[in-house]
Amino acid sequence: MALHTDLPIYRTGVRLLDLAVKVQVQMPRTVKRALGEKITQHCVDMLDLMALANATQRQVRTGYIEQLLAKQRAITVLLRVSHDSRYLSPKLWADSIELLGSIGKQAGGWLKNANRAPAA
């Protein structure tokens, strides 16, 4: 089993966390706590779920990956609201959607693989 820090999905997640911090810095003070901190925390939670999923097998792994996908959807919604409210630059929005799409595809493939794994 590879270290979770070596996984492509984890490296993408770290890039997303870096972007989330940049988003938070860009936001006006009035929404930094409500939106910015929540986006950043969801990114940290996703990285934690990636590590947990990598360290487990079968049904437990499936549960972690499903939680990871839920966090990914929540981040997408929060970033969409930020972008629509003009708290987020179009460049950061485009970069975030690319990273979130990549994480979604990788997690979806990981989930499919975990569901196919034969029971011991």
PDB file of N, CA and C in Angstrom:
ATOM      1  N   MET A   1       0.841  -1.172   0.000  1.00  0.00           N
ATOM      2  CA  MET A   1       0.000   0.000   0.000  1.00  0.00           C
ATOM      3  C   MET A   1       0.891   1.242   0.000  1.00  0.00           C
ATOM      4  N   ALA A   2       0.581   2.166  -0.877  1.00  0.00           N
ATOM      5  CA  ALA A   2       1.356   3.406  -0.977  1.00  0.00           C
ATOM      6  C   ALA A   2       0.991   4.351   0.165  1.00  0.00           C
ATOM      7  N   LEU A   3       1.932   5.214   0.495  1.00  0.00           N
ATOM      8  CA  LEU A   3       1.630   6.258   1.466  1.00  0.00           C
ATOM      9  C   LEU A   3       0.575   7.186   0.878  1.00  0.00           C
ATOM     10  N   HIS A   4      -0.325   7.679   1.714  1.00  0.00           N
ATOM     11  CA  HIS A   4      -1.373   8.545   1.194  1.00  0.00           C
ATOM     12  C   HIS A   4      -0.790   9.816   0.575  1.00  0.00           C
ATOM     13  N   THR A   5       0.360  10.255   1.053  1.00  0.00           N
ATOM     14  CA  THR A   5       0.968  11.471   0.498  1.00  0.00           C
ATOM     15  C   THR A   5       1.503  11.265  -0.919  1.00  0.00           C
ATOM     16  N   ASP A   6       1.640  10.012  -1.341  1.00  0.00           N
ATOM     17  CA  ASP A   6       2.119   9.709  -2.693  1.00  0.00           C
ATOM     18  C   ASP A   6       0.984   9.567  -3.709  1.00  0.00           C
ATOM     19  N   LEU A   7      -0.259   9.548  -3.241  1.00  0.00           N
ATOM     20  CA  LEU A   7      -1.395   9.348  -4.139  1.00  0.00           C
ATOM     21  C   LEU A   7      -1.667  10.605  -4.970  1.00  0.00           C
ATOM     22  N   PRO A   8      -1.972  10.427  -6.262  1.00  0.00           N
ATOM     23  CA  PRO A   8      -2.299  11.586  -7.103  1.00  0.00           C
ATOM     24  C   PRO A   8      -3.492  12.391  -6.556  1.00  0.00           C
ATOM     25  N   ILE A   9      -4.499  11.698  -6.015  1.00  0.00           N
ATOM     26  CA  ILE A   9      -5.668  12.396  -5.480  1.00  0.00           C
ATOM     27  C   ILE A   9      -5.279  13.267  -4.284  1.00  0.00           C
ATOM     28  N   TYR A  10      -4.337  12.797  -3.488  1.00  0.00           N
ATOM     29  CA  TYR A  10      -3.890  13.563  -2.322  1.00  0.00           C
ATOM     30  C   TYR A  10      -3.129  14.817  -2.775  1.00  0.00           C
ATOM     31  N   ARG A  11      -2.262  14.648  -3.767  1.00  0.00           N
ATOM     32  CA  ARG A  11      -1.511  15.803  -4.277  1.00  0.00           C
ATOM     33  C   ARG A  11      -2.465  16.850  -4.870  1.00  0.00           C
ATOM     34  N   THR A  12      -3.507  16.387  -5.554  1.00  0.00           N
ATOM     35  CA  THR A  12      -4.515  17.309  -6.079  1.00  0.00           C
ATOM     36  C   THR A  12      -5.248  17.997  -4.935  1.00  0.00           C
ATOM     37  N   GLY A  13      -5.537  17.253  -3.885  1.00  0.00           N
ATOM     38  CA  GLY A  13      -6.191  17.818  -2.710  1.00  0.00           C
ATOM     39  C   GLY A  13      -5.347  18.887  -2.034  1.00  0.00           C
ATOM     40  N   VAL A  14      -4.042  18.683  -1.994  1.00  0.00           N
ATOM     41  CA  VAL A  14      -3.144  19.680  -1.412  1.00  0.00           C
ATOM     42  C   VAL A  14      -3.157  20.949  -2.266  1.00  0.00           C
ATOM     43  N   ARG A  15      -3.178  20.785  -3.568  1.00  0.00           N
ATOM     44  CA  ARG A  15      -3.274  21.956  -4.457  1.00  0.00           C
ATOM     45  C   ARG A  15      -4.589  22.702  -4.240  1.00  0.00           C
ATOM     46  N   LEU A  16      -5.676  21.941  -4.014  1.00  0.00           N
ATOM     47  CA  LEU A  16      -6.965  22.567  -3.748  1.00  0.00           C
ATOM     48  C   LEU A  16      -6.940  23.319  -2.408  1.00  0.00           C
ATOM     49  N   LEU A  17      -6.301  22.750  -1.405  1.00  0.00           N
ATOM     50  CA  LEU A  17      -6.186  23.436  -0.116  1.00  0.00           C
ATOM     51  C   LEU A  17      -5.407  24.740  -0.280  1.00  0.00           C
ATOM     52  N   ASP A  18      -4.333  24.706  -1.048  1.00  0.00           N
ATOM     53  CA  ASP A  18      -3.556  25.917  -1.308  1.00  0.00           C
ATOM     54  C   ASP A  18      -4.427  26.973  -1.982  1.00  0.00           C
ATOM     55  N   LEU A  19      -5.232  26.554  -2.933  1.00  0.00           N
ATOM     56  CA  LEU A  19      -6.142  27.464  -3.621  1.00  0.00           C
ATOM     57  C   LEU A  19      -7.188  28.005  -2.644  1.00  0.00           C
ATOM     58  N   ALA A  20      -7.691  27.154  -1.751  1.00  0.00           N
ATOM     59  CA  ALA A  20      -8.705  27.579  -0.777  1.00  0.00           C
ATOM     60  C   ALA A  20      -8.164  28.670   0.141  1.00  0.00           C
ATOM     61  N   VAL A  21      -6.908  28.553   0.508  1.00  0.00           N
ATOM     62  CA  VAL A  21      -6.284  29.588   1.341  1.00  0.00           C
ATOM     63  C   VAL A  21      -6.201  30.903   0.560  1.00  0.00           C
ATOM     64  N   LYS A  22      -5.856  30.829  -0.712  1.00  0.00           N
ATOM     65  CA  LYS A  22      -5.816  32.031  -1.553  1.00  0.00           C
ATOM     66  C   LYS A  22      -7.202  32.657  -1.684  1.00  0.00           C
ATOM     67  N   VAL A  23      -8.210  31.809  -1.814  1.00  0.00           N
ATOM     68  CA  VAL A  23      -9.592  32.289  -1.904  1.00  0.00           C
ATOM     69  C   VAL A  23      -9.962  33.026  -0.624  1.00  0.00           C
ATOM     70  N   GLN A  24      -9.616  32.433   0.506  1.00  0.00           N
ATOM     71  CA  GLN A  24      -9.952  33.045   1.792  1.00  0.00           C
ATOM     72  C   GLN A  24      -9.277  34.412   1.948  1.00  0.00           C
ATOM     73  N   VAL A  25      -8.036  34.527   1.505  1.00  0.00           N
ATOM     74  CA  VAL A  25      -7.316  35.800   1.597  1.00  0.00           C
ATOM     75  C   VAL A  25      -8.005  36.864   0.740  1.00  0.00           C
ATOM     76  N   GLN A  26      -8.532  36.465  -0.413  1.00  0.00           N
ATOM     77  CA  GLN A  26      -9.189  37.401  -1.336  1.00  0.00           C
ATOM     78  C   GLN A  26     -10.527  37.912  -0.827  1.00  0.00           C
ATOM     79  N   MET A  27     -11.177  37.151   0.044  1.00  0.00           N
ATOM     80  CA  MET A  27     -12.541  37.472   0.460  1.00  0.00           C
ATOM     81  C   MET A  27     -12.590  38.701   1.375  1.00  0.00           C
ATOM     82  N   PRO A  28     -13.683  39.443   1.284  1.00  0.00           N
ATOM     83  CA  PRO A  28     -13.871  40.540   2.224  1.00  0.00           C
ATOM     84  C   PRO A  28     -14.028  40.002   3.650  1.00  0.00           C
ATOM     85  N   ARG A  29     -13.668  40.814   4.606  1.00  0.00           N
ATOM     86  CA  ARG A  29     -13.699  40.402   6.008  1.00  0.00           C
ATOM     87  C   ARG A  29     -15.076  39.882   6.425  1.00  0.00           C
ATOM     88  N   THR A  30     -16.124  40.427   5.849  1.00  0.00           N
ATOM     89  CA  THR A  30     -17.481  40.059   6.254  1.00  0.00           C
ATOM     90  C   THR A  30     -17.835  38.604   5.955  1.00  0.00           C
ATOM     91  N   VAL A  31     -17.153  37.991   4.998  1.00  0.00           N
ATOM     92  CA  VAL A  31     -17.480  36.607   4.651  1.00  0.00           C
ATOM     93  C   VAL A  31     -16.316  35.638   4.844  1.00  0.00           C
ATOM     94  N   LYS A  32     -15.170  36.135   5.304  1.00  0.00           N
ATOM     95  CA  LYS A  32     -14.013  35.255   5.490  1.00  0.00           C
ATOM     96  C   LYS A  32     -14.338  34.093   6.423  1.00  0.00           C
ATOM     97  N   ARG A  33     -15.012  34.371   7.517  1.00  0.00           N
ATOM     98  CA  ARG A  33     -15.322  33.310   8.476  1.00  0.00           C
ATOM     99  C   ARG A  33     -16.438  32.413   7.959  1.00  0.00           C
ATOM    100  N   ALA A  34     -17.478  33.010   7.426  1.00  0.00           N
ATOM    101  CA  ALA A  34     -18.638  32.228   6.998  1.00  0.00           C
ATOM    102  C   ALA A  34     -18.327  31.320   5.809  1.00  0.00           C
ATOM    103  N   LEU A  35     -17.653  31.844   4.819  1.00  0.00           N
ATOM    104  CA  LEU A  35     -17.366  31.060   3.617  1.00  0.00           C
ATOM    105  C   LEU A  35     -15.918  30.576   3.556  1.00  0.00           C
ATOM    106  N   GLY A  36     -14.990  31.494   3.726  1.00  0.00           N
ATOM    107  CA  GLY A  36     -13.576  31.163   3.559  1.00  0.00           C
ATOM    108  C   GLY A  36     -13.086  30.068   4.491  1.00  0.00           C
ATOM    109  N   GLU A  37     -13.370  30.203   5.771  1.00  0.00           N
ATOM    110  CA  GLU A  37     -12.916  29.183   6.721  1.00  0.00           C
ATOM    111  C   GLU A  37     -13.604  27.847   6.489  1.00  0.00           C
ATOM    112  N   LYS A  38     -14.868  27.894   6.092  1.00  0.00           N
ATOM    113  CA  LYS A  38     -15.600  26.647   5.834  1.00  0.00           C
ATOM    114  C   LYS A  38     -15.009  25.911   4.620  1.00  0.00           C
ATOM    115  N   ILE A  39     -14.681  26.640   3.574  1.00  0.00           N
ATOM    116  CA  ILE A  39     -14.074  26.027   2.388  1.00  0.00           C
ATOM    117  C   ILE A  39     -12.731  25.398   2.757  1.00  0.00           C
ATOM    118  N   THR A  40     -11.912  26.147   3.480  1.00  0.00           N
ATOM    119  CA  THR A  40     -10.599  25.644   3.885  1.00  0.00           C
ATOM    120  C   THR A  40     -10.741  24.402   4.768  1.00  0.00           C
ATOM    121  N   GLN A  41     -11.673  24.431   5.720  1.00  0.00           N
ATOM    122  CA  GLN A  41     -11.858  23.283   6.615  1.00  0.00           C
ATOM    123  C   GLN A  41     -12.336  22.055   5.856  1.00  0.00           C
ATOM    124  N   HIS A  42     -13.222  22.243   4.895  1.00  0.00           N
ATOM    125  CA  HIS A  42     -13.669  21.102   4.083  1.00  0.00           C
ATOM    126  C   HIS A  42     -12.496  20.494   3.303  1.00  0.00           C
ATOM    127  N   CYS A  43     -11.589  21.333   2.820  1.00  0.00           N
ATOM    128  CA  CYS A  43     -10.407  20.832   2.107  1.00  0.00           C
ATOM    129  C   CYS A  43      -9.520  20.007   3.044  1.00  0.00           C
ATOM    130  N   VAL A  44      -9.322  20.497   4.262  1.00  0.00           N
ATOM    131  CA  VAL A  44      -8.534  19.748   5.248  1.00  0.00           C
ATOM    132  C   VAL A  44      -9.228  18.425   5.558  1.00  0.00           C
ATOM    133  N   ASP A  45     -10.546  18.456   5.721  1.00  0.00           N
ATOM    134  CA  ASP A  45     -11.306  17.233   5.992  1.00  0.00           C
ATOM    135  C   ASP A  45     -11.169  16.230   4.840  1.00  0.00           C
ATOM    136  N   MET A  46     -11.179  16.744   3.603  1.00  0.00           N
ATOM    137  CA  MET A  46     -11.012  15.851   2.448  1.00  0.00           C
ATOM    138  C   MET A  46      -9.657  15.166   2.472  1.00  0.00           C
ATOM    139  N   LEU A  47      -8.608  15.907   2.795  1.00  0.00           N
ATOM    140  CA  LEU A  47      -7.274  15.302   2.863  1.00  0.00           C
ATOM    141  C   LEU A  47      -7.233  14.224   3.940  1.00  0.00           C
ATOM    142  N   ASP A  48      -7.875  14.474   5.063  1.00  0.00           N
ATOM    143  CA  ASP A  48      -7.941  13.489   6.134  1.00  0.00           C
ATOM    144  C   ASP A  48      -8.695  12.241   5.672  1.00  0.00           C
ATOM    145  N   LEU A  49      -9.804  12.428   4.981  1.00  0.00           N
ATOM    146  CA  LEU A  49     -10.576  11.288   4.473  1.00  0.00           C
ATOM    147  C   LEU A  49      -9.789  10.485   3.433  1.00  0.00           C
ATOM    148  N   MET A  50      -8.980  11.163   2.628  1.00  0.00           N
ATOM    149  CA  MET A  50      -8.130  10.461   1.660  1.00  0.00           C
ATOM    150  C   MET A  50      -7.139   9.557   2.389  1.00  0.00           C
ATOM    151  N   ALA A  51      -6.536  10.070   3.449  1.00  0.00           N
ATOM    152  CA  ALA A  51      -5.579   9.277   4.225  1.00  0.00           C
ATOM    153  C   ALA A  51      -6.273   8.095   4.884  1.00  0.00           C
ATOM    154  N   LEU A  52      -7.456   8.319   5.448  1.00  0.00           N
ATOM    155  CA  LEU A  52      -8.197   7.234   6.097  1.00  0.00           C
ATOM    156  C   LEU A  52      -8.622   6.165   5.086  1.00  0.00           C
ATOM    157  N   ALA A  53      -9.091   6.606   3.918  1.00  0.00           N
ATOM    158  CA  ALA A  53      -9.506   5.647   2.887  1.00  0.00           C
ATOM    159  C   ALA A  53      -8.320   4.815   2.418  1.00  0.00           C
ATOM    160  N   ASN A  54      -7.166   5.429   2.315  1.00  0.00           N
ATOM    161  CA  ASN A  54      -5.977   4.707   1.873  1.00  0.00           C
ATOM    162  C   ASN A  54      -5.539   3.666   2.902  1.00  0.00           C
ATOM    163  N   ALA A  55      -5.828   3.911   4.177  1.00  0.00           N
ATOM    164  CA  ALA A  55      -5.375   3.028   5.245  1.00  0.00           C
ATOM    165  C   ALA A  55      -6.371   1.917   5.569  1.00  0.00           C
ATOM    166  N   THR A  56      -7.528   1.888   4.916  1.00  0.00           N
ATOM    167  CA  THR A  56      -8.560   0.897   5.227  1.00  0.00           C
ATOM    168  C   THR A  56      -8.892   0.057   4.000  1.00  0.00           C
ATOM    169  N   GLN A  57      -9.799  -0.886   4.196  1.00  0.00           N
ATOM    170  CA  GLN A  57     -10.195  -1.772   3.107  1.00  0.00           C
ATOM    171  C   GLN A  57     -11.712  -1.921   3.049  1.00  0.00           C
ATOM    172  N   ARG A  58     -12.195  -2.297   1.885  1.00  0.00           N
ATOM    173  CA  ARG A  58     -13.569  -2.667   1.586  1.00  0.00           C
ATOM    174  C   ARG A  58     -14.633  -1.667   2.048  1.00  0.00           C
ATOM    175  N   GLN A  59     -15.583  -2.100   2.883  1.00  0.00           N
ATOM    176  CA  GLN A  59     -16.723  -1.257   3.253  1.00  0.00           C
ATOM    177  C   GLN A  59     -16.283   0.006   3.985  1.00  0.00           C
ATOM    178  N   VAL A  60     -15.287  -0.102   4.830  1.00  0.00           N
ATOM    179  CA  VAL A  60     -14.810   1.066   5.568  1.00  0.00           C
ATOM    180  C   VAL A  60     -14.239   2.074   4.573  1.00  0.00           C
ATOM    181  N   ARG A  61     -13.461   1.586   3.629  1.00  0.00           N
ATOM    182  CA  ARG A  61     -12.887   2.466   2.596  1.00  0.00           C
ATOM    183  C   ARG A  61     -13.996   3.118   1.788  1.00  0.00           C
ATOM    184  N   THR A  62     -15.004   2.340   1.417  1.00  0.00           N
ATOM    185  CA  THR A  62     -16.124   2.867   0.642  1.00  0.00           C
ATOM    186  C   THR A  62     -16.804   4.012   1.389  1.00  0.00           C
ATOM    187  N   GLY A  63     -16.988   3.856   2.694  1.00  0.00           N
ATOM    188  CA  GLY A  63     -17.609   4.910   3.493  1.00  0.00           C
ATOM    189  C   GLY A  63     -16.789   6.187   3.493  1.00  0.00           C
ATOM    190  N   TYR A  64     -15.480   6.046   3.638  1.00  0.00           N
ATOM    191  CA  TYR A  64     -14.606   7.233   3.628  1.00  0.00           C
ATOM    192  C   TYR A  64     -14.618   7.928   2.277  1.00  0.00           C
ATOM    193  N   ILE A  65     -14.620   7.136   1.215  1.00  0.00           N
ATOM    194  CA  ILE A  65     -14.637   7.739  -0.126  1.00  0.00           C
ATOM    195  C   ILE A  65     -15.965   8.453  -0.369  1.00  0.00           C
ATOM    196  N   GLU A  66     -17.070   7.874   0.101  1.00  0.00           N
ATOM    197  CA  GLU A  66     -18.364   8.537  -0.052  1.00  0.00           C
ATOM    198  C   GLU A  66     -18.404   9.851   0.728  1.00  0.00           C
ATOM    199  N   GLN A  67     -17.819   9.866   1.918  1.00  0.00           N
ATOM    200  CA  GLN A  67     -17.728  11.113   2.692  1.00  0.00           C
ATOM    201  C   GLN A  67     -16.854  12.131   1.957  1.00  0.00           C
ATOM    202  N   LEU A  68     -15.779  11.648   1.353  1.00  0.00           N
ATOM    203  CA  LEU A  68     -14.884  12.506   0.574  1.00  0.00           C
ATOM    204  C   LEU A  68     -15.646  13.166  -0.572  1.00  0.00           C
ATOM    205  N   LEU A  69     -16.466  12.388  -1.279  1.00  0.00           N
ATOM    206  CA  LEU A  69     -17.248  12.933  -2.389  1.00  0.00           C
ATOM    207  C   LEU A  69     -18.288  13.933  -1.896  1.00  0.00           C
ATOM    208  N   ALA A  70     -18.844  13.710  -0.713  1.00  0.00           N
ATOM    209  CA  ALA A  70     -19.794  14.671  -0.141  1.00  0.00           C
ATOM    210  C   ALA A  70     -19.091  15.995   0.167  1.00  0.00           C
ATOM    211  N   LYS A  71     -17.876  15.925   0.705  1.00  0.00           N
ATOM    212  CA  LYS A  71     -17.098  17.138   0.979  1.00  0.00           C
ATOM    213  C   LYS A  71     -16.770  17.861  -0.328  1.00  0.00           C
ATOM    214  N   GLN A  72     -16.445  17.092  -1.351  1.00  0.00           N
ATOM    215  CA  GLN A  72     -16.116  17.672  -2.655  1.00  0.00           C
ATOM    216  C   GLN A  72     -17.319  18.441  -3.209  1.00  0.00           C
ATOM    217  N   ARG A  73     -18.512  17.864  -3.070  1.00  0.00           N
ATOM    218  CA  ARG A  73     -19.722  18.555  -3.542  1.00  0.00           C
ATOM    219  C   ARG A  73     -19.987  19.813  -2.719  1.00  0.00           C
ATOM    220  N   ALA A  74     -19.768  19.738  -1.411  1.00  0.00           N
ATOM    221  CA  ALA A  74     -19.985  20.899  -0.540  1.00  0.00           C
ATOM    222  C   ALA A  74     -19.029  22.037  -0.904  1.00  0.00           C
ATOM    223  N   ILE A  75     -17.775  21.698  -1.158  1.00  0.00           N
ATOM    224  CA  ILE A  75     -16.800  22.718  -1.558  1.00  0.00           C
ATOM    225  C   ILE A  75     -17.218  23.353  -2.874  1.00  0.00           C
ATOM    226  N   THR A  76     -17.691  22.554  -3.798  1.00  0.00           N
ATOM    227  CA  THR A  76     -18.143  23.076  -5.085  1.00  0.00           C
ATOM    228  C   THR A  76     -19.261  24.099  -4.883  1.00  0.00           C
ATOM    229  N   VAL A  77     -20.223  23.767  -4.025  1.00  0.00           N
ATOM    230  CA  VAL A  77     -21.337  24.680  -3.760  1.00  0.00           C
ATOM    231  C   VAL A  77     -20.836  25.978  -3.113  1.00  0.00           C
ATOM    232  N   LEU A  78     -19.966  25.850  -2.118  1.00  0.00           N
ATOM    233  CA  LEU A  78     -19.455  27.043  -1.426  1.00  0.00           C
ATOM    234  C   LEU A  78     -18.645  27.936  -2.370  1.00  0.00           C
ATOM    235  N   LEU A  79     -17.856  27.313  -3.228  1.00  0.00           N
ATOM    236  CA  LEU A  79     -17.089  28.104  -4.190  1.00  0.00           C
ATOM    237  C   LEU A  79     -18.002  28.742  -5.239  1.00  0.00           C
ATOM    238  N   ARG A  80     -19.058  28.035  -5.619  1.00  0.00           N
ATOM    239  CA  ARG A  80     -20.031  28.590  -6.576  1.00  0.00           C
ATOM    240  C   ARG A  80     -20.690  29.840  -5.979  1.00  0.00           C
ATOM    241  N   VAL A  81     -21.094  29.744  -4.720  1.00  0.00           N
ATOM    242  CA  VAL A  81     -21.694  30.896  -4.047  1.00  0.00           C
ATOM    243  C   VAL A  81     -20.689  32.049  -3.975  1.00  0.00           C
ATOM    244  N   SER A  82     -19.454  31.730  -3.655  1.00  0.00           N
ATOM    245  CA  SER A  82     -18.402  32.754  -3.583  1.00  0.00           C
ATOM    246  C   SER A  82     -18.186  33.418  -4.934  1.00  0.00           C
ATOM    247  N   HIS A  83     -18.166  32.614  -5.976  1.00  0.00           N
ATOM    248  CA  HIS A  83     -17.965  33.155  -7.319  1.00  0.00           C
ATOM    249  C   HIS A  83     -19.154  34.004  -7.752  1.00  0.00           C
ATOM    250  N   ASP A  84     -20.362  33.500  -7.523  1.00  0.00           N
ATOM    251  CA  ASP A  84     -21.560  34.244  -7.917  1.00  0.00           C
ATOM    252  C   ASP A  84     -21.683  35.570  -7.164  1.00  0.00           C
ATOM    253  N   SER A  85     -21.172  35.599  -5.946  1.00  0.00           N
ATOM    254  CA  SER A  85     -21.209  36.824  -5.134  1.00  0.00           C
ATOM    255  C   SER A  85     -20.004  37.720  -5.407  1.00  0.00           C
ATOM    256  N   ARG A  86     -19.164  37.314  -6.332  1.00  0.00           N
ATOM    257  CA  ARG A  86     -17.964  38.053  -6.744  1.00  0.00           C
ATOM    258  C   ARG A  86     -16.924  38.186  -5.632  1.00  0.00           C
ATOM    259  N   TYR A  87     -16.879  37.184  -4.752  1.00  0.00           N
ATOM    260  CA  TYR A  87     -15.834  37.130  -3.725  1.00  0.00           C
ATOM    261  C   TYR A  87     -14.623  36.360  -4.230  1.00  0.00           C
ATOM    262  N   LEU A  88     -14.772  35.759  -5.388  1.00  0.00           N
ATOM    263  CA  LEU A  88     -13.770  34.855  -5.940  1.00  0.00           C
ATOM    264  C   LEU A  88     -13.489  35.265  -7.385  1.00  0.00           C
ATOM    265  N   SER A  89     -12.219  35.395  -7.723  1.00  0.00           N
ATOM    266  CA  SER A  89     -11.866  35.799  -9.086  1.00  0.00           C
ATOM    267  C   SER A  89     -12.195  34.674 -10.077  1.00  0.00           C
ATOM    268  N   PRO A  90     -12.482  35.037 -11.325  1.00  0.00           N
ATOM    269  CA  PRO A  90     -12.758  34.011 -12.334  1.00  0.00           C
ATOM    270  C   PRO A  90     -11.601  33.022 -12.504  1.00  0.00           C
ATOM    271  N   LYS A  91     -10.364  33.498 -12.358  1.00  0.00           N
ATOM    272  CA  LYS A  91      -9.187  32.618 -12.494  1.00  0.00           C
ATOM    273  C   LYS A  91      -9.186  31.557 -11.393  1.00  0.00           C
ATOM    274  N   LEU A  92      -9.385  31.988 -10.137  1.00  0.00           N
ATOM    275  CA  LEU A  92      -9.419  31.017  -9.038  1.00  0.00           C
ATOM    276  C   LEU A  92     -10.617  30.079  -9.162  1.00  0.00           C
ATOM    277  N   TRP A  93     -11.733  30.601  -9.642  1.00  0.00           N
ATOM    278  CA  TRP A  93     -12.917  29.769  -9.857  1.00  0.00           C
ATOM    279  C   TRP A  93     -12.610  28.669 -10.879  1.00  0.00           C
ATOM    280  N   ALA A  94     -12.011  29.047 -11.996  1.00  0.00           N
ATOM    281  CA  ALA A  94     -11.680  28.068 -13.034  1.00  0.00           C
ATOM    282  C   ALA A  94     -10.690  27.025 -12.507  1.00  0.00           C
ATOM    283  N   ASP A  95      -9.679  27.479 -11.788  1.00  0.00           N
ATOM    284  CA  ASP A  95      -8.695  26.542 -11.221  1.00  0.00           C
ATOM    285  C   ASP A  95      -9.350  25.597 -10.223  1.00  0.00           C
ATOM    286  N   SER A  96     -10.250  26.139  -9.399  1.00  0.00           N
ATOM    287  CA  SER A  96     -10.894  25.299  -8.384  1.00  0.00           C
ATOM    288  C   SER A  96     -11.791  24.242  -9.028  1.00  0.00           C
ATOM    289  N   ILE A  97     -12.510  24.614 -10.057  1.00  0.00           N
ATOM    290  CA  ILE A  97     -13.391  23.651 -10.731  1.00  0.00           C
ATOM    291  C   ILE A  97     -12.575  22.538 -11.382  1.00  0.00           C
ATOM    292  N   GLU A  98     -11.432  22.890 -11.952  1.00  0.00           N
ATOM    293  CA  GLU A  98     -10.555  21.877 -12.546  1.00  0.00           C
ATOM    294  C   GLU A  98     -10.069  20.898 -11.474  1.00  0.00           C
ATOM    295  N   LEU A  99      -9.618  21.415 -10.335  1.00  0.00           N
ATOM    296  CA  LEU A  99      -9.119  20.556  -9.255  1.00  0.00           C
ATOM    297  C   LEU A  99     -10.238  19.709  -8.660  1.00  0.00           C
ATOM    298  N   LEU A 100     -11.399  20.314  -8.439  1.00  0.00           N
ATOM    299  CA  LEU A 100     -12.530  19.569  -7.872  1.00  0.00           C
ATOM    300  C   LEU A 100     -13.007  18.475  -8.829  1.00  0.00           C
ATOM    301  N   GLY A 101     -12.997  18.780 -10.118  1.00  0.00           N
ATOM    302  CA  GLY A 101     -13.371  17.762 -11.107  1.00  0.00           C
ATOM    303  C   GLY A 101     -12.400  16.597 -11.101  1.00  0.00           C
ATOM    304  N   SER A 102     -11.122  16.900 -10.989  1.00  0.00           N
ATOM    305  CA  SER A 102     -10.102  15.861 -10.944  1.00  0.00           C
ATOM    306  C   SER A 102     -10.269  14.990  -9.697  1.00  0.00           C
ATOM    307  N   ILE A 103     -10.504  15.633  -8.556  1.00  0.00           N
ATOM    308  CA  ILE A 103     -10.704  14.875  -7.319  1.00  0.00           C
ATOM    309  C   ILE A 103     -11.949  14.003  -7.430  1.00  0.00           C
ATOM    310  N   GLY A 104     -13.022  14.547  -8.006  1.00  0.00           N
ATOM    311  CA  GLY A 104     -14.253  13.777  -8.176  1.00  0.00           C
ATOM    312  C   GLY A 104     -14.058  12.548  -9.056  1.00  0.00           C
ATOM    313  N   LYS A 105     -13.331  12.722 -10.150  1.00  0.00           N
ATOM    314  CA  LYS A 105     -13.074  11.588 -11.047  1.00  0.00           C
ATOM    315  C   LYS A 105     -12.209  10.529 -10.370  1.00  0.00           C
ATOM    316  N   GLN A 106     -11.157  10.977  -9.691  1.00  0.00           N
ATOM    317  CA  GLN A 106     -10.264  10.031  -9.032  1.00  0.00           C
ATOM    318  C   GLN A 106     -10.983   9.295  -7.900  1.00  0.00           C
ATOM    319  N   ALA A 107     -11.772  10.028  -7.120  1.00  0.00           N
ATOM    320  CA  ALA A 107     -12.503   9.400  -6.014  1.00  0.00           C
ATOM    321  C   ALA A 107     -13.569   8.450  -6.548  1.00  0.00           C
ATOM    322  N   GLY A 108     -14.210   8.826  -7.645  1.00  0.00           N
ATOM    323  CA  GLY A 108     -15.201   7.949  -8.255  1.00  0.00           C
ATOM    324  C   GLY A 108     -14.584   6.644  -8.737  1.00  0.00           C
ATOM    325  N   GLY A 109     -13.418   6.739  -9.349  1.00  0.00           N
ATOM    326  CA  GLY A 109     -12.712   5.530  -9.780  1.00  0.00           C
ATOM    327  C   GLY A 109     -12.260   4.695  -8.597  1.00  0.00           C
ATOM    328  N   TRP A 110     -11.812   5.356  -7.555  1.00  0.00           N
ATOM    329  CA  TRP A 110     -11.374   4.670  -6.336  1.00  0.00           C
ATOM    330  C   TRP A 110     -12.563   3.945  -5.700  1.00  0.00           C
ATOM    331  N   LEU A 111     -13.728   4.606  -5.672  1.00  0.00           N
ATOM    332  CA  LEU A 111     -14.938   4.008  -5.113  1.00  0.00           C
ATOM    333  C   LEU A 111     -15.368   2.793  -5.942  1.00  0.00           C
ATOM    334  N   LYS A 112     -15.334   2.924  -7.239  1.00  0.00           N
ATOM    335  CA  LYS A 112     -15.691   1.807  -8.121  1.00  0.00           C
ATOM    336  C   LYS A 112     -14.761   0.626  -7.884  1.00  0.00           C
ATOM    337  N   ASN A 113     -13.474   0.901  -7.755  1.00  0.00           N
ATOM    338  CA  ASN A 113     -12.496  -0.143  -7.498  1.00  0.00           C
ATOM    339  C   ASN A 113     -12.725  -0.781  -6.127  1.00  0.00           C
ATOM    340  N   ALA A 114     -13.033   0.036  -5.119  1.00  0.00           N
ATOM    341  CA  ALA A 114     -13.264  -0.485  -3.769  1.00  0.00           C
ATOM    342  C   ALA A 114     -14.505  -1.374  -3.734  1.00  0.00           C
ATOM    343  N   ASN A 115     -15.522  -1.016  -4.507  1.00  0.00           N
ATOM    344  CA  ASN A 115     -16.748  -1.822  -4.546  1.00  0.00           C
ATOM    345  C   ASN A 115     -16.547  -3.134  -5.305  1.00  0.00           C
ATOM    346  N   ARG A 116     -15.551  -3.169  -6.195  1.00  0.00           N
ATOM    347  CA  ARG A 116     -15.278  -4.377  -6.971  1.00  0.00           C
ATOM    348  C   ARG A 116     -14.385  -5.356  -6.214  1.00  0.00           C
ATOM    349  N   ALA A 117     -13.687  -4.869  -5.214  1.00  0.00           N
ATOM    350  CA  ALA A 117     -12.719  -5.710  -4.494  1.00  0.00           C
ATOM    351  C   ALA A 117     -13.422  -6.926  -3.906  1.00  0.00           C
ATOM    352  N   PRO A 118     -12.848  -8.117  -4.105  1.00  0.00           N
ATOM    353  CA  PRO A 118     -13.470  -9.327  -3.569  1.00  0.00           C
ATOM    354  C   PRO A 118     -13.341  -9.371  -2.031  1.00  0.00           C
ATOM    355  N   ALA A 119     -14.348  -9.913  -1.406  1.00  0.00           N
ATOM    356  CA  ALA A 119     -14.341 -10.058   0.060  1.00  0.00           C
ATOM    357  C   ALA A 119     -13.363 -11.162   0.449  1.00  0.00           C
ATOM    358  N   ALA A 120     -12.707 -10.978   1.570  1.00  0.00           N
ATOM    359  CA  ALA A 120     -11.717 -11.972   2.022  1.00  0.00           C
ATOM    360  C   ALA A 120     -12.371 -13.172   2.620  1.00  0.00           C
TER     361      ALA A 120
END
